[in-house]
N, C-alpha and C. Protein backbone atom coordinates (compact mmCIF):
# COMPACT_ATOMS: atom_id res chain seq x y z
N MET A 1 18.93 -3.15 -22.06
CA MET A 1 19.79 -2.27 -21.31
C MET A 1 20.32 -2.98 -20.19
N VAL A 2 21.67 -2.80 -20.16
CA VAL A 2 22.50 -3.42 -19.05
C VAL A 2 22.61 -2.32 -17.98
N SER A 3 22.37 -2.70 -16.72
CA SER A 3 22.54 -1.82 -15.67
C SER A 3 23.86 -1.97 -15.04
N THR A 4 24.50 -0.93 -14.53
CA THR A 4 25.71 -1.00 -13.73
C THR A 4 25.30 -1.45 -12.33
N GLY A 5 26.34 -1.58 -11.60
CA GLY A 5 26.29 -1.96 -10.12
C GLY A 5 25.50 -0.96 -9.32
N VAL A 6 25.99 0.35 -9.61
CA VAL A 6 25.31 1.48 -8.92
C VAL A 6 23.90 1.53 -9.19
N GLU A 7 23.49 1.48 -10.47
CA GLU A 7 22.09 1.57 -10.92
C GLU A 7 21.19 0.43 -10.21
N SER A 8 21.84 -0.76 -10.16
CA SER A 8 21.11 -1.92 -9.50
C SER A 8 20.88 -1.67 -8.02
N VAL A 9 21.94 -1.10 -7.33
CA VAL A 9 21.64 -0.79 -5.90
C VAL A 9 20.70 0.32 -5.68
N LEU A 10 20.81 1.35 -6.49
CA LEU A 10 19.84 2.42 -6.47
C LEU A 10 18.43 1.88 -6.66
N ALA A 11 18.27 0.94 -7.49
CA ALA A 11 16.85 0.45 -7.82
C ALA A 11 16.40 -0.24 -6.69
N VAL A 12 17.26 -1.08 -6.05
CA VAL A 12 16.86 -1.78 -4.88
C VAL A 12 16.53 -0.90 -3.64
N VAL A 13 17.27 0.15 -3.52
CA VAL A 13 17.11 1.09 -2.41
C VAL A 13 15.73 1.80 -2.67
N ALA A 14 15.45 2.28 -3.87
CA ALA A 14 14.24 2.82 -4.21
C ALA A 14 13.03 2.00 -4.10
N ARG A 15 13.18 0.71 -4.48
CA ARG A 15 12.03 -0.34 -4.21
C ARG A 15 11.77 -0.44 -2.73
N VAL A 16 12.87 -0.66 -1.96
CA VAL A 16 12.63 -0.84 -0.48
C VAL A 16 12.07 0.48 0.21
N LEU A 17 12.52 1.67 -0.23
CA LEU A 17 11.81 2.84 0.36
C LEU A 17 10.53 2.97 -0.03
N PHE A 18 10.14 2.77 -1.32
CA PHE A 18 8.81 2.96 -1.86
C PHE A 18 7.79 1.99 -1.26
N GLY A 19 8.23 0.61 -1.32
CA GLY A 19 7.36 -0.42 -0.77
C GLY A 19 7.28 -0.31 0.58
N GLY A 20 8.29 0.18 1.37
CA GLY A 20 8.15 0.31 2.85
C GLY A 20 7.19 1.42 3.24
N VAL A 21 7.05 2.47 2.51
CA VAL A 21 6.07 3.51 2.85
C VAL A 21 4.69 2.91 2.71
N ILE A 22 4.60 2.32 1.46
CA ILE A 22 3.18 1.72 1.24
C ILE A 22 2.75 0.58 2.22
N ALA A 23 3.84 -0.25 2.71
CA ALA A 23 3.47 -1.24 3.77
C ALA A 23 3.21 -0.57 5.04
N PHE A 24 3.97 0.53 5.38
CA PHE A 24 3.68 1.25 6.66
C PHE A 24 2.33 1.90 6.66
N THR A 25 2.00 2.38 5.48
CA THR A 25 0.53 2.87 5.37
C THR A 25 -0.52 1.83 5.69
N GLY A 26 -0.31 0.66 5.24
CA GLY A 26 -1.26 -0.49 5.53
C GLY A 26 -1.23 -0.86 6.92
N VAL A 27 -0.13 -0.84 7.66
CA VAL A 27 -0.11 -1.13 9.03
C VAL A 27 -0.72 0.01 9.75
N ASN A 28 -0.63 1.22 9.42
CA ASN A 28 -1.33 2.22 10.04
C ASN A 28 -2.91 2.15 9.97
N HIS A 29 -3.33 1.39 8.98
CA HIS A 29 -4.74 1.17 8.84
C HIS A 29 -5.24 0.29 10.03
N PHE A 30 -4.46 -0.55 10.53
CA PHE A 30 -4.69 -1.50 11.72
C PHE A 30 -4.46 -0.82 13.07
N PHE A 31 -3.62 0.12 13.09
CA PHE A 31 -3.49 0.85 14.27
C PHE A 31 -4.61 1.87 14.54
N GLN A 32 -5.04 2.47 13.42
CA GLN A 32 -6.06 3.65 13.50
C GLN A 32 -7.35 3.12 12.81
N THR A 33 -7.81 1.95 13.08
CA THR A 33 -8.96 1.41 12.49
C THR A 33 -10.25 2.17 12.77
N ASP A 34 -10.37 2.53 14.06
CA ASP A 34 -11.57 3.17 14.53
C ASP A 34 -11.63 4.60 13.84
N ASP A 35 -10.62 5.36 13.90
CA ASP A 35 -10.63 6.63 13.31
C ASP A 35 -10.96 6.64 11.79
N MET A 36 -10.29 5.74 11.07
CA MET A 36 -10.45 5.65 9.70
C MET A 36 -11.82 5.14 9.28
N ALA A 37 -12.39 4.17 10.12
CA ALA A 37 -13.79 3.70 9.83
C ALA A 37 -14.82 4.73 10.06
N SER A 38 -14.52 5.60 11.19
CA SER A 38 -15.57 6.66 11.35
C SER A 38 -15.50 7.64 10.10
N ASP A 39 -14.23 7.96 9.61
CA ASP A 39 -14.17 8.71 8.40
C ASP A 39 -14.79 8.22 7.17
N ALA A 40 -14.61 6.80 7.09
CA ALA A 40 -15.19 6.22 5.98
C ALA A 40 -16.73 6.12 5.96
N GLU A 41 -17.17 5.96 7.24
CA GLU A 41 -18.68 5.98 7.47
C GLU A 41 -19.18 7.45 7.13
N PHE A 42 -18.47 8.47 7.54
CA PHE A 42 -19.04 9.82 7.33
C PHE A 42 -19.06 9.98 5.68
N ARG A 43 -18.04 9.46 4.98
CA ARG A 43 -18.04 9.67 3.49
C ARG A 43 -19.04 8.80 2.86
N GLY A 44 -19.80 7.82 3.54
CA GLY A 44 -20.75 7.00 2.88
C GLY A 44 -20.27 5.66 2.39
N LEU A 45 -19.07 5.25 2.77
CA LEU A 45 -18.67 4.04 2.41
C LEU A 45 -19.43 2.81 2.93
N PRO A 46 -19.89 1.88 2.30
CA PRO A 46 -20.45 0.77 2.94
C PRO A 46 -19.49 -0.15 3.73
N ALA A 47 -19.94 -0.69 4.78
CA ALA A 47 -19.12 -1.54 5.65
C ALA A 47 -17.76 -0.82 5.92
N PRO A 48 -17.76 0.29 6.63
CA PRO A 48 -16.57 0.97 6.67
C PRO A 48 -15.44 0.23 7.49
N ARG A 49 -15.71 -0.39 8.54
CA ARG A 49 -14.63 -1.17 9.15
C ARG A 49 -14.01 -2.16 8.45
N LEU A 50 -14.75 -2.96 7.71
CA LEU A 50 -14.31 -3.96 6.81
C LEU A 50 -13.51 -3.43 5.72
N SER A 51 -13.92 -2.26 5.20
CA SER A 51 -13.26 -1.60 4.08
C SER A 51 -11.78 -1.19 4.50
N VAL A 52 -11.89 -0.53 5.63
CA VAL A 52 -10.48 -0.13 6.22
C VAL A 52 -9.56 -1.28 6.43
N LEU A 53 -10.04 -2.33 7.00
CA LEU A 53 -9.21 -3.46 7.30
C LEU A 53 -8.75 -4.22 5.95
N ALA A 54 -9.56 -4.24 4.93
CA ALA A 54 -9.33 -4.87 3.70
C ALA A 54 -8.33 -4.04 2.94
N SER A 55 -8.47 -2.68 2.89
CA SER A 55 -7.47 -1.85 2.25
C SER A 55 -6.21 -1.81 2.95
N GLY A 56 -6.18 -1.92 4.33
CA GLY A 56 -4.91 -2.02 5.03
C GLY A 56 -4.14 -3.36 4.58
N MET A 57 -4.91 -4.44 4.60
CA MET A 57 -4.34 -5.64 4.18
C MET A 57 -3.74 -5.67 2.72
N LEU A 58 -4.46 -4.91 1.81
CA LEU A 58 -3.92 -4.86 0.37
C LEU A 58 -2.71 -3.98 0.35
N LEU A 59 -2.76 -2.76 1.08
CA LEU A 59 -1.62 -1.98 1.06
C LEU A 59 -0.38 -2.69 1.65
N PHE A 60 -0.68 -3.42 2.79
CA PHE A 60 0.53 -4.09 3.42
C PHE A 60 1.06 -5.11 2.50
N ALA A 61 0.25 -6.00 1.89
CA ALA A 61 0.65 -7.04 1.02
C ALA A 61 1.42 -6.41 -0.25
N GLY A 62 0.78 -5.40 -0.78
CA GLY A 62 1.38 -4.74 -1.99
C GLY A 62 2.74 -4.07 -1.68
N GLY A 63 2.89 -3.39 -0.50
CA GLY A 63 4.13 -2.80 -0.18
C GLY A 63 5.21 -3.94 0.13
N LEU A 64 4.85 -5.01 0.70
CA LEU A 64 5.76 -6.04 1.01
C LEU A 64 6.01 -6.82 -0.28
N GLY A 65 5.15 -6.92 -1.34
CA GLY A 65 5.57 -7.37 -2.58
C GLY A 65 6.50 -6.56 -3.34
N ILE A 66 6.39 -5.19 -3.19
CA ILE A 66 7.32 -4.28 -3.87
C ILE A 66 8.70 -4.49 -3.21
N VAL A 67 8.73 -4.47 -1.87
CA VAL A 67 9.98 -4.65 -1.14
C VAL A 67 10.73 -5.80 -1.50
N LEU A 68 10.01 -6.86 -1.59
CA LEU A 68 10.67 -8.23 -1.81
C LEU A 68 10.88 -8.53 -3.27
N GLY A 69 10.23 -7.70 -4.10
CA GLY A 69 10.49 -7.87 -5.54
C GLY A 69 9.62 -8.96 -6.19
N THR A 70 8.64 -9.47 -5.49
CA THR A 70 7.80 -10.58 -6.03
C THR A 70 6.52 -9.89 -6.71
N PHE A 71 6.45 -10.18 -7.94
CA PHE A 71 5.37 -9.48 -8.76
C PHE A 71 5.18 -7.99 -8.37
N PRO A 72 6.32 -7.18 -8.64
CA PRO A 72 6.30 -5.80 -8.26
C PRO A 72 5.09 -5.06 -9.00
N TYR A 73 4.92 -5.38 -10.26
CA TYR A 73 3.80 -4.62 -11.02
C TYR A 73 2.46 -4.98 -10.50
N VAL A 74 2.15 -6.15 -10.16
CA VAL A 74 0.86 -6.48 -9.59
C VAL A 74 0.79 -6.02 -8.10
N SER A 75 1.87 -6.00 -7.37
CA SER A 75 1.92 -5.37 -6.02
C SER A 75 1.53 -3.94 -6.07
N ALA A 76 2.18 -3.15 -7.11
CA ALA A 76 2.02 -1.76 -7.18
C ALA A 76 0.59 -1.43 -7.60
N LEU A 77 0.01 -2.28 -8.58
CA LEU A 77 -1.40 -2.01 -8.99
C LEU A 77 -2.28 -2.29 -7.83
N GLY A 78 -2.08 -3.33 -7.07
CA GLY A 78 -2.96 -3.65 -5.95
C GLY A 78 -2.98 -2.48 -4.93
N SER A 79 -1.70 -2.07 -4.65
CA SER A 79 -1.55 -0.86 -3.60
C SER A 79 -2.29 0.32 -4.19
N LEU A 80 -2.16 0.60 -5.50
CA LEU A 80 -2.76 1.77 -6.07
C LEU A 80 -4.29 1.74 -6.06
N ALA A 81 -4.78 0.55 -6.31
CA ALA A 81 -6.22 0.24 -6.31
C ALA A 81 -6.77 0.47 -4.95
N SER A 82 -6.06 -0.02 -3.96
CA SER A 82 -6.66 0.05 -2.51
C SER A 82 -6.51 1.43 -1.96
N SER A 83 -5.58 2.21 -2.48
CA SER A 83 -5.53 3.64 -1.84
C SER A 83 -6.32 4.63 -2.68
N SER A 84 -6.76 4.18 -3.87
CA SER A 84 -7.64 5.21 -4.58
C SER A 84 -9.03 5.27 -3.98
N SER A 85 -9.46 6.55 -3.86
CA SER A 85 -10.78 6.72 -3.37
C SER A 85 -11.62 7.36 -4.36
N PRO A 86 -12.92 6.83 -4.72
CA PRO A 86 -13.72 7.49 -5.65
C PRO A 86 -14.39 8.71 -5.10
N ARG A 87 -14.39 8.74 -3.83
CA ARG A 87 -15.09 9.97 -3.23
C ARG A 87 -13.99 10.75 -2.34
N CYS A 88 -14.05 12.09 -2.47
CA CYS A 88 -13.04 13.02 -1.79
C CYS A 88 -13.71 13.95 -1.03
């Protein structure tokens, strides 16, 4: 399938917006580490502070990977895996 110029531009804009939201969510993990760690501890997650920081790092790296277009499928899967919670 050959994409037109407009489709290419829209794809890049969508990738930047989607990846930017995911990267911002990861940055938010670093700014609100204590609040998120206390919530994770309440939910019974082992090593809550480390878990919050690790998931923030994965979200940021995944979002940045999506924005830059480097391994977008791997980046999206990593972001999805780090944001999924088995306990709600």
